[in-house]
PDB file of N, CA and C in Angstrom:
ATOM      1  N   UNK A   1      35.654 -12.048  16.564  1.00  0.00           N
ATOM      2  CA  UNK A   1      36.099 -11.642  15.254  1.00  0.00           C
ATOM      3  C   UNK A   1      34.877 -11.498  14.343  1.00  0.00           C
ATOM      4  N   UNK A   2      34.890 -10.486  13.494  1.00  0.00           N
ATOM      5  CA  UNK A   2      33.785 -10.242  12.565  1.00  0.00           C
ATOM      6  C   UNK A   2      33.995 -10.986  11.259  1.00  0.00           C
ATOM      7  N   UNK A   3      32.890 -11.397  10.660  1.00  0.00           N
ATOM      8  CA  UNK A   3      32.983 -11.928   9.298  1.00  0.00           C
ATOM      9  C   UNK A   3      33.213 -10.754   8.350  1.00  0.00           C
ATOM     10  N   UNK A   4      33.673 -11.034   7.166  1.00  0.00           N
ATOM     11  CA  UNK A   4      33.908  -9.979   6.179  1.00  0.00           C
ATOM     12  C   UNK A   4      32.622  -9.214   5.886  1.00  0.00           C
ATOM     13  N   UNK A   5      31.505  -9.916   5.745  1.00  0.00           N
ATOM     14  CA  UNK A   5      30.232  -9.253   5.452  1.00  0.00           C
ATOM     15  C   UNK A   5      29.798  -8.352   6.605  1.00  0.00           C
ATOM     16  N   UNK A   6      29.993  -8.805   7.842  1.00  0.00           N
ATOM     17  CA  UNK A   6      29.645  -7.959   8.988  1.00  0.00           C
ATOM     18  C   UNK A   6      30.531  -6.721   9.048  1.00  0.00           C
ATOM     19  N   UNK A   7      31.808  -6.879   8.761  1.00  0.00           N
ATOM     20  CA  UNK A   7      32.726  -5.734   8.775  1.00  0.00           C
ATOM     21  C   UNK A   7      32.342  -4.710   7.715  1.00  0.00           C
ATOM     22  N   UNK A   8      32.016  -5.158   6.509  1.00  0.00           N
ATOM     23  CA  UNK A   8      31.610  -4.244   5.437  1.00  0.00           C
ATOM     24  C   UNK A   8      30.301  -3.552   5.801  1.00  0.00           C
ATOM     25  N   UNK A   9      29.363  -4.299   6.352  1.00  0.00           N
ATOM     26  CA  UNK A   9      28.076  -3.717   6.763  1.00  0.00           C
ATOM     27  C   UNK A   9      28.283  -2.656   7.842  1.00  0.00           C
ATOM     28  N   UNK A  10      29.130  -2.932   8.815  1.00  0.00           N
ATOM     29  CA  UNK A  10      29.376  -1.970   9.896  1.00  0.00           C
ATOM     30  C   UNK A  10      30.148  -0.741   9.408  1.00  0.00           C
ATOM     31  N   UNK A  11      30.975  -0.900   8.379  1.00  0.00           N
ATOM     32  CA  UNK A  11      31.772   0.226   7.868  1.00  0.00           C
ATOM     33  C   UNK A  11      31.027   1.054   6.828  1.00  0.00           C
ATOM     34  N   UNK A  12      30.067   0.465   6.135  1.00  0.00           N
ATOM     35  CA  UNK A  12      29.412   1.173   5.032  1.00  0.00           C
ATOM     36  C   UNK A  12      27.920   1.407   5.266  1.00  0.00           C
ATOM     37  N   UNK A  13      27.165   0.350   5.418  1.00  0.00           N
ATOM     38  CA  UNK A  13      25.712   0.469   5.503  1.00  0.00           C
ATOM     39  C   UNK A  13      25.232   1.096   6.815  1.00  0.00           C
ATOM     40  N   UNK A  14      25.732   0.617   7.924  1.00  0.00           N
ATOM     41  CA  UNK A  14      25.217   1.092   9.212  1.00  0.00           C
ATOM     42  C   UNK A  14      25.445   2.588   9.448  1.00  0.00           C
ATOM     43  N   UNK A  15      26.629   3.154   9.128  1.00  0.00           N
ATOM     44  CA  UNK A  15      26.774   4.608   9.287  1.00  0.00           C
ATOM     45  C   UNK A  15      25.806   5.390   8.397  1.00  0.00           C
ATOM     46  N   UNK A  16      25.607   4.918   7.169  1.00  0.00           N
ATOM     47  CA  UNK A  16      24.667   5.597   6.270  1.00  0.00           C
ATOM     48  C   UNK A  16      23.250   5.532   6.830  1.00  0.00           C
ATOM     49  N   UNK A  17      22.857   4.382   7.340  1.00  0.00           N
ATOM     50  CA  UNK A  17      21.509   4.248   7.912  1.00  0.00           C
ATOM     51  C   UNK A  17      21.320   5.175   9.108  1.00  0.00           C
ATOM     52  N   UNK A  18      22.348   5.318   9.942  1.00  0.00           N
ATOM     53  CA  UNK A  18      22.243   6.205  11.112  1.00  0.00           C
ATOM     54  C   UNK A  18      22.056   7.665  10.703  1.00  0.00           C
ATOM     55  N   UNK A  19      22.598   8.052   9.556  1.00  0.00           N
ATOM     56  CA  UNK A  19      22.544   9.452   9.134  1.00  0.00           C
ATOM     57  C   UNK A  19      21.358   9.784   8.226  1.00  0.00           C
ATOM     58  N   UNK A  20      20.616   8.768   7.773  1.00  0.00           N
ATOM     59  CA  UNK A  20      19.493   8.997   6.858  1.00  0.00           C
ATOM     60  C   UNK A  20      18.454   9.958   7.424  1.00  0.00           C
ATOM     61  N   UNK A  21      18.194   9.900   8.706  1.00  0.00           N
ATOM     62  CA  UNK A  21      17.160  10.768   9.280  1.00  0.00           C
ATOM     63  C   UNK A  21      17.608  12.230   9.303  1.00  0.00           C
ATOM     64  N   UNK A  22      18.901  12.475   9.309  1.00  0.00           N
ATOM     65  CA  UNK A  22      19.433  13.839   9.297  1.00  0.00           C
ATOM     66  C   UNK A  22      19.583  14.391   7.887  1.00  0.00           C
ATOM     67  N   UNK A  23      19.972  13.534   6.960  1.00  0.00           N
ATOM     68  CA  UNK A  23      20.189  13.950   5.568  1.00  0.00           C
ATOM     69  C   UNK A  23      19.737  12.813   4.659  1.00  0.00           C
ATOM     70  N   UNK A  24      18.605  12.964   3.990  1.00  0.00           N
ATOM     71  CA  UNK A  24      18.055  11.887   3.156  1.00  0.00           C
ATOM     72  C   UNK A  24      19.000  11.388   2.066  1.00  0.00           C
ATOM     73  N   UNK A  25      20.001  12.177   1.677  1.00  0.00           N
ATOM     74  CA  UNK A  25      20.953  11.738   0.646  1.00  0.00           C
ATOM     75  C   UNK A  25      21.712  10.485   1.081  1.00  0.00           C
ATOM     76  N   UNK A  26      21.777  10.210   2.389  1.00  0.00           N
ATOM     77  CA  UNK A  26      22.475   9.022   2.861  1.00  0.00           C
ATOM     78  C   UNK A  26      21.733   7.736   2.508  1.00  0.00           C
ATOM     79  N   UNK A  27      20.489   7.830   2.040  1.00  0.00           N
ATOM     80  CA  UNK A  27      19.770   6.638   1.581  1.00  0.00           C
ATOM     81  C   UNK A  27      20.409   6.063   0.328  1.00  0.00           C
ATOM     82  N   UNK A  28      21.263   6.857  -0.344  1.00  0.00           N
ATOM     83  CA  UNK A  28      21.954   6.397  -1.553  1.00  0.00           C
ATOM     84  C   UNK A  28      23.398   5.988  -1.259  1.00  0.00           C
ATOM     85  N   UNK A  29      23.764   5.909   0.017  1.00  0.00           N
ATOM     86  CA  UNK A  29      25.131   5.567   0.426  1.00  0.00           C
ATOM     87  C   UNK A  29      25.164   4.227   1.146  1.00  0.00           C
ATOM     88  N   UNK A  30      26.321   3.591   1.147  1.00  0.00           N
ATOM     89  CA  UNK A  30      26.535   2.388   1.934  1.00  0.00           C
ATOM     90  C   UNK A  30      25.931   1.125   1.377  1.00  0.00           C
ATOM     91  N   UNK A  31      25.445   1.165   0.160  1.00  0.00           N
ATOM     92  CA  UNK A  31      24.812   0.004  -0.445  1.00  0.00           C
ATOM     93  C   UNK A  31      25.105  -0.016  -1.945  1.00  0.00           C
ATOM     94  N   UNK A  32      25.096  -1.183  -2.512  1.00  0.00           N
ATOM     95  CA  UNK A  32      25.282  -1.341  -3.964  1.00  0.00           C
ATOM     96  C   UNK A  32      23.937  -1.747  -4.544  1.00  0.00           C
ATOM     97  N   UNK A  33      23.235  -0.771  -5.115  1.00  0.00           N
ATOM     98  CA  UNK A  33      21.943  -1.041  -5.733  1.00  0.00           C
ATOM     99  C   UNK A  33      21.736  -0.063  -6.882  1.00  0.00           C
ATOM    100  N   UNK A  34      20.689  -0.293  -7.632  1.00  0.00           N
ATOM    101  CA  UNK A  34      20.432   0.492  -8.831  1.00  0.00           C
ATOM    102  C   UNK A  34      20.313   1.986  -8.554  1.00  0.00           C
ATOM    103  N   UNK A  35      19.692   2.378  -7.486  1.00  0.00           N
ATOM    104  CA  UNK A  35      19.481   3.793  -7.187  1.00  0.00           C
ATOM    105  C   UNK A  35      20.583   4.418  -6.326  1.00  0.00           C
ATOM    106  N   UNK A  36      21.550   3.609  -5.893  1.00  0.00           N
ATOM    107  CA  UNK A  36      22.595   4.109  -4.994  1.00  0.00           C
ATOM    108  C   UNK A  36      23.673   4.857  -5.772  1.00  0.00           C
ATOM    109  N   UNK A  37      24.411   5.725  -5.055  1.00  0.00           N
ATOM    110  CA  UNK A  37      25.569   6.389  -5.651  1.00  0.00           C
ATOM    111  C   UNK A  37      26.632   5.333  -5.950  1.00  0.00           C
ATOM    112  N   UNK A  38      27.436   5.580  -6.963  1.00  0.00           N
ATOM    113  CA  UNK A  38      28.467   4.619  -7.354  1.00  0.00           C
ATOM    114  C   UNK A  38      29.772   4.920  -6.626  1.00  0.00           C
ATOM    115  N   UNK A  39      29.751   4.779  -5.301  1.00  0.00           N
ATOM    116  CA  UNK A  39      30.942   4.910  -4.478  1.00  0.00           C
ATOM    117  C   UNK A  39      31.345   3.489  -4.085  1.00  0.00           C
ATOM    118  N   UNK A  40      32.333   2.952  -4.763  1.00  0.00           N
ATOM    119  CA  UNK A  40      32.699   1.551  -4.573  1.00  0.00           C
ATOM    120  C   UNK A  40      34.199   1.400  -4.375  1.00  0.00           C
ATOM    121  N   UNK A  41      34.584   0.397  -3.601  1.00  0.00           N
ATOM    122  CA  UNK A  41      35.983   0.093  -3.378  1.00  0.00           C
ATOM    123  C   UNK A  41      36.184  -1.401  -3.570  1.00  0.00           C
ATOM    124  N   UNK A  42      37.156  -1.763  -4.382  1.00  0.00           N
ATOM    125  CA  UNK A  42      37.529  -3.157  -4.568  1.00  0.00           C
ATOM    126  C   UNK A  42      38.759  -3.404  -3.711  1.00  0.00           C
ATOM    127  N   UNK A  43      38.713  -4.422  -2.858  1.00  0.00           N
ATOM    128  CA  UNK A  43      39.858  -4.682  -2.000  1.00  0.00           C
ATOM    129  C   UNK A  43      40.118  -6.175  -1.887  1.00  0.00           C
ATOM    130  N   UNK A  44      41.350  -6.497  -1.556  1.00  0.00           N
ATOM    131  CA  UNK A  44      41.782  -7.865  -1.327  1.00  0.00           C
ATOM    132  C   UNK A  44      41.828  -8.067   0.185  1.00  0.00           C
ATOM    133  N   UNK A  45      40.874  -8.799   0.731  1.00  0.00           N
ATOM    134  CA  UNK A  45      40.773  -8.937   2.183  1.00  0.00           C
ATOM    135  C   UNK A  45      41.992  -9.610   2.801  1.00  0.00           C
ATOM    136  N   UNK A  46      42.762 -10.330   2.012  1.00  0.00           N
ATOM    137  CA  UNK A  46      43.979 -10.956   2.528  1.00  0.00           C
ATOM    138  C   UNK A  46      45.170 -10.007   2.544  1.00  0.00           C
ATOM    139  N   UNK A  47      45.061  -8.882   1.822  1.00  0.00           N
ATOM    140  CA  UNK A  47      46.202  -7.972   1.705  1.00  0.00           C
ATOM    141  C   UNK A  47      45.949  -6.562   2.230  1.00  0.00           C
ATOM    142  N   UNK A  48      44.706  -6.185   2.462  1.00  0.00           N
ATOM    143  CA  UNK A  48      44.423  -4.798   2.823  1.00  0.00           C
ATOM    144  C   UNK A  48      45.038  -4.463   4.184  1.00  0.00           C
ATOM    145  N   UNK A  49      45.747  -3.342   4.207  1.00  0.00           N
ATOM    146  CA  UNK A  49      46.398  -2.891   5.433  1.00  0.00           C
ATOM    147  C   UNK A  49      46.640  -1.384   5.347  1.00  0.00           C
ATOM    148  N   UNK A  50      46.431  -0.719   6.464  1.00  0.00           N
ATOM    149  CA  UNK A  50      46.719   0.712   6.570  1.00  0.00           C
ATOM    150  C   UNK A  50      48.201   0.870   6.873  1.00  0.00           C
ATOM    151  N   UNK A  51      48.901   1.650   6.076  1.00  0.00           N
ATOM    152  CA  UNK A  51      50.349   1.827   6.261  1.00  0.00           C
ATOM    153  C   UNK A  51      50.709   3.161   6.899  1.00  0.00           C
ATOM    154  N   UNK A  52      49.736   4.012   7.191  1.00  0.00           N
ATOM    155  CA  UNK A  52      50.055   5.342   7.706  1.00  0.00           C
ATOM    156  C   UNK A  52      50.717   5.266   9.079  1.00  0.00           C
ATOM    157  N   UNK A  53      51.539   6.271   9.323  1.00  0.00           N
ATOM    158  CA  UNK A  53      52.197   6.421  10.617  1.00  0.00           C
ATOM    159  C   UNK A  53      52.112   7.895  10.999  1.00  0.00           C
ATOM    160  N   UNK A  54      52.505   8.220  12.218  1.00  0.00           N
ATOM    161  CA  UNK A  54      52.545   9.625  12.618  1.00  0.00           C
ATOM    162  C   UNK A  54      53.570  10.384  11.772  1.00  0.00           C
ATOM    163  N   UNK A  55      54.655   9.725  11.415  1.00  0.00           N
ATOM    164  CA  UNK A  55      55.691  10.368  10.607  1.00  0.00           C
ATOM    165  C   UNK A  55      55.274  10.503   9.141  1.00  0.00           C
ATOM    166  N   UNK A  56      54.491   9.544   8.642  1.00  0.00           N
ATOM    167  CA  UNK A  56      54.045   9.554   7.251  1.00  0.00           C
ATOM    168  C   UNK A  56      52.533   9.314   7.186  1.00  0.00           C
ATOM    169  N   UNK A  57      51.729  10.346   7.504  1.00  0.00           N
ATOM    170  CA  UNK A  57      50.273  10.166   7.588  1.00  0.00           C
ATOM    171  C   UNK A  57      49.561  10.042   6.245  1.00  0.00           C
ATOM    172  N   UNK A  58      50.247  10.273   5.136  1.00  0.00           N
ATOM    173  CA  UNK A  58      49.578  10.225   3.832  1.00  0.00           C
ATOM    174  C   UNK A  58      49.942   8.991   3.010  1.00  0.00           C
ATOM    175  N   UNK A  59      50.611   8.023   3.609  1.00  0.00           N
ATOM    176  CA  UNK A  59      50.918   6.800   2.873  1.00  0.00           C
ATOM    177  C   UNK A  59      49.621   6.099   2.481  1.00  0.00           C
ATOM    178  N   UNK A  60      49.503   5.656   1.239  1.00  0.00           N
ATOM    179  CA  UNK A  60      48.278   4.954   0.840  1.00  0.00           C
ATOM    180  C   UNK A  60      48.238   3.546   1.427  1.00  0.00           C
ATOM    181  N   UNK A  61      47.046   2.998   1.581  1.00  0.00           N
ATOM    182  CA  UNK A  61      46.946   1.616   2.065  1.00  0.00           C
ATOM    183  C   UNK A  61      47.380   0.638   0.983  1.00  0.00           C
ATOM    184  N   UNK A  62      47.604  -0.584   1.380  1.00  0.00           N
ATOM    185  CA  UNK A  62      47.872  -1.654   0.414  1.00  0.00           C
ATOM    186  C   UNK A  62      46.640  -2.542   0.320  1.00  0.00           C
ATOM    187  N   UNK A  63      46.490  -3.219  -0.810  1.00  0.00           N
ATOM    188  CA  UNK A  63      45.394  -4.162  -0.975  1.00  0.00           C
ATOM    189  C   UNK A  63      44.093  -3.548  -1.455  1.00  0.00           C
ATOM    190  N   UNK A  64      44.130  -2.266  -1.887  1.00  0.00           N
ATOM    191  CA  UNK A  64      42.941  -1.593  -2.424  1.00  0.00           C
ATOM    192  C   UNK A  64      43.292  -1.118  -3.833  1.00  0.00           C
ATOM    193  N   UNK A  65      43.067  -1.982  -4.832  1.00  0.00           N
ATOM    194  CA  UNK A  65      43.487  -1.617  -6.186  1.00  0.00           C
ATOM    195  C   UNK A  65      42.584  -0.615  -6.898  1.00  0.00           C
ATOM    196  N   UNK A  66      41.299  -0.567  -6.543  1.00  0.00           N
ATOM    197  CA  UNK A  66      40.384   0.300  -7.285  1.00  0.00           C
ATOM    198  C   UNK A  66      39.363   0.957  -6.356  1.00  0.00           C
ATOM    199  N   UNK A  67      39.127   2.273  -6.591  1.00  0.00           N
ATOM    200  CA  UNK A  67      38.103   3.023  -5.864  1.00  0.00           C
ATOM    201  C   UNK A  67      37.360   3.895  -6.872  1.00  0.00           C
ATOM    202  N   UNK A  68      36.030   3.852  -6.808  1.00  0.00           N
ATOM    203  CA  UNK A  68      35.175   4.713  -7.630  1.00  0.00           C
ATOM    204  C   UNK A  68      34.403   5.646  -6.713  1.00  0.00           C
ATOM    205  N   UNK A  69      34.349   6.921  -7.062  1.00  0.00           N
ATOM    206  CA  UNK A  69      33.507   7.888  -6.360  1.00  0.00           C
ATOM    207  C   UNK A  69      32.605   8.514  -7.409  1.00  0.00           C
ATOM    208  N   UNK A  70      31.300   8.413  -7.183  1.00  0.00           N
ATOM    209  CA  UNK A  70      30.304   8.835  -8.187  1.00  0.00           C
ATOM    210  C   UNK A  70      30.582   8.185  -9.537  1.00  0.00           C
ATOM    211  N   UNK A  71      31.075   6.960  -9.508  1.00  0.00           N
ATOM    212  CA  UNK A  71      31.356   6.213 -10.729  1.00  0.00           C
ATOM    213  C   UNK A  71      32.646   6.603 -11.423  1.00  0.00           C
ATOM    214  N   UNK A  72      33.400   7.525 -10.845  1.00  0.00           N
ATOM    215  CA  UNK A  72      34.657   7.993 -11.437  1.00  0.00           C
ATOM    216  C   UNK A  72      35.818   7.288 -10.737  1.00  0.00           C
ATOM    217  N   UNK A  73      36.693   6.615 -11.498  1.00  0.00           N
ATOM    218  CA  UNK A  73      37.843   5.964 -10.865  1.00  0.00           C
ATOM    219  C   UNK A  73      38.806   6.991 -10.263  1.00  0.00           C
ATOM    220  N   UNK A  74      39.019   6.902  -8.946  1.00  0.00           N
ATOM    221  CA  UNK A  74      39.967   7.795  -8.280  1.00  0.00           C
ATOM    222  C   UNK A  74      41.214   7.042  -7.823  1.00  0.00           C
ATOM    223  N   UNK A  75      41.144   5.713  -7.823  1.00  0.00           N
ATOM    224  CA  UNK A  75      42.301   4.853  -7.622  1.00  0.00           C
ATOM    225  C   UNK A  75      42.226   3.769  -8.686  1.00  0.00           C
ATOM    226  N   UNK A  76      43.300   3.628  -9.449  1.00  0.00           N
ATOM    227  CA  UNK A  76      43.383   2.589 -10.490  1.00  0.00           C
ATOM    228  C   UNK A  76      44.656   1.793 -10.274  1.00  0.00           C
ATOM    229  N   UNK A  77      44.506   0.483 -10.200  1.00  0.00           N
ATOM    230  CA  UNK A  77      45.665  -0.399  -9.996  1.00  0.00           C
ATOM    231  C   UNK A  77      46.502   0.046  -8.796  1.00  0.00           C
ATOM    232  N   UNK A  78      45.840   0.510  -7.732  1.00  0.00           N
ATOM    233  CA  UNK A  78      46.504   0.909  -6.507  1.00  0.00           C
ATOM    234  C   UNK A  78      47.140   2.280  -6.527  1.00  0.00           C
ATOM    235  N   UNK A  79      46.949   3.028  -7.619  1.00  0.00           N
ATOM    236  CA  UNK A  79      47.552   4.353  -7.756  1.00  0.00           C
ATOM    237  C   UNK A  79      46.454   5.411  -7.777  1.00  0.00           C
ATOM    238  N   UNK A  80      46.600   6.439  -6.929  1.00  0.00           N
ATOM    239  CA  UNK A  80      45.627   7.533  -6.874  1.00  0.00           C
ATOM    240  C   UNK A  80      45.689   8.324  -8.173  1.00  0.00           C
ATOM    241  N   UNK A  81      44.534   8.567  -8.771  1.00  0.00           N
ATOM    242  CA  UNK A  81      44.438   9.393  -9.971  1.00  0.00           C
ATOM    243  C   UNK A  81      44.415  10.848  -9.501  1.00  0.00           C
ATOM    244  N   UNK A  82      45.433  11.593  -9.835  1.00  0.00           N
ATOM    245  CA  UNK A  82      45.575  12.976  -9.366  1.00  0.00           C
ATOM    246  C   UNK A  82      44.588  13.916 -10.063  1.00  0.00           C
ATOM    247  N   UNK A  83      44.207  14.979  -9.371  1.00  0.00           N
ATOM    248  CA  UNK A  83      43.412  16.051  -9.963  1.00  0.00           C
ATOM    249  C   UNK A  83      41.918  15.804 -10.038  1.00  0.00           C
ATOM    250  N   UNK A  84      41.420  14.754  -9.403  1.00  0.00           N
ATOM    251  CA  UNK A  84      39.982  14.462  -9.445  1.00  0.00           C
ATOM    252  C   UNK A  84      39.330  14.759  -8.105  1.00  0.00           C
ATOM    253  N   UNK A  85      38.112  15.282  -8.162  1.00  0.00           N
ATOM    254  CA  UNK A  85      37.301  15.496  -6.960  1.00  0.00           C
ATOM    255  C   UNK A  85      35.842  15.250  -7.290  1.00  0.00           C
ATOM    256  N   UNK A  86      35.489  13.993  -7.610  1.00  0.00           N
ATOM    257  CA  UNK A  86      34.116  13.714  -8.054  1.00  0.00           C
ATOM    258  C   UNK A  86      33.090  13.639  -6.932  1.00  0.00           C
ATOM    259  N   UNK A  87      33.518  13.629  -5.695  1.00  0.00           N
ATOM    260  CA  UNK A  87      32.576  13.521  -4.579  1.00  0.00           C
ATOM    261  C   UNK A  87      31.816  14.814  -4.352  1.00  0.00           C
ATOM    262  N   UNK A  88      30.684  14.688  -3.691  1.00  0.00           N
ATOM    263  CA  UNK A  88      29.863  15.834  -3.342  1.00  0.00           C
ATOM    264  C   UNK A  88      29.559  15.793  -1.854  1.00  0.00           C
ATOM    265  N   UNK A  89      29.626  16.921  -1.206  1.00  0.00           N
ATOM    266  CA  UNK A  89      29.310  16.976   0.216  1.00  0.00           C
ATOM    267  C   UNK A  89      27.826  16.750   0.460  1.00  0.00           C
ATOM    268  N   UNK A  90      27.509  16.217   1.614  1.00  0.00           N
ATOM    269  CA  UNK A  90      26.131  15.988   2.007  1.00  0.00           C
ATOM    270  C   UNK A  90      25.850  16.850   3.234  1.00  0.00           C
ATOM    271  N   UNK A  91      24.774  17.621   3.166  1.00  0.00           N
ATOM    272  CA  UNK A  91      24.376  18.458   4.303  1.00  0.00           C
ATOM    273  C   UNK A  91      22.945  18.124   4.684  1.00  0.00           C
ATOM    274  N   UNK A  92      22.684  18.259   5.947  1.00  0.00           N
ATOM    275  CA  UNK A  92      21.313  18.093   6.412  1.00  0.00           C
ATOM    276  C   UNK A  92      20.500  19.301   5.927  1.00  0.00           C
ATOM    277  N   UNK A  93      19.234  19.095   5.589  1.00  0.00           N
ATOM    278  CA  UNK A  93      18.411  20.222   5.178  1.00  0.00           C
ATOM    279  C   UNK A  93      18.429  21.336   6.227  1.00  0.00           C
ATOM    280  N   UNK A  94      18.617  22.569   5.773  1.00  0.00           N
ATOM    281  CA  UNK A  94      18.653  23.709   6.657  1.00  0.00           C
ATOM    282  C   UNK A  94      19.989  23.963   7.312  1.00  0.00           C
ATOM    283  N   UNK A  95      20.974  23.099   7.034  1.00  0.00           N
ATOM    284  CA  UNK A  95      22.293  23.281   7.677  1.00  0.00           C
ATOM    285  C   UNK A  95      23.149  24.245   6.888  1.00  0.00           C
TER     286      UNK A  95
END
């Protein structure tokens, strides 16, 4: 079983580190620091659960009350804020 810190590191930091050599913009992902992008998720580790099914693939998860993308709240109090697209795609140079 993974500790919470190991799970977060494997889900956020490690994928970003693997992609840094392909696209330098990933150096600003997967970490919470002054120079990083403000992509943050607040979750309750005792309650977080994926509720999607094959019949209902768009059901939101439980236990994730707040999500920020580029510092813009896209989930507030567990409710998706409609009409926002603050994220930006990342491409490798020359792609």
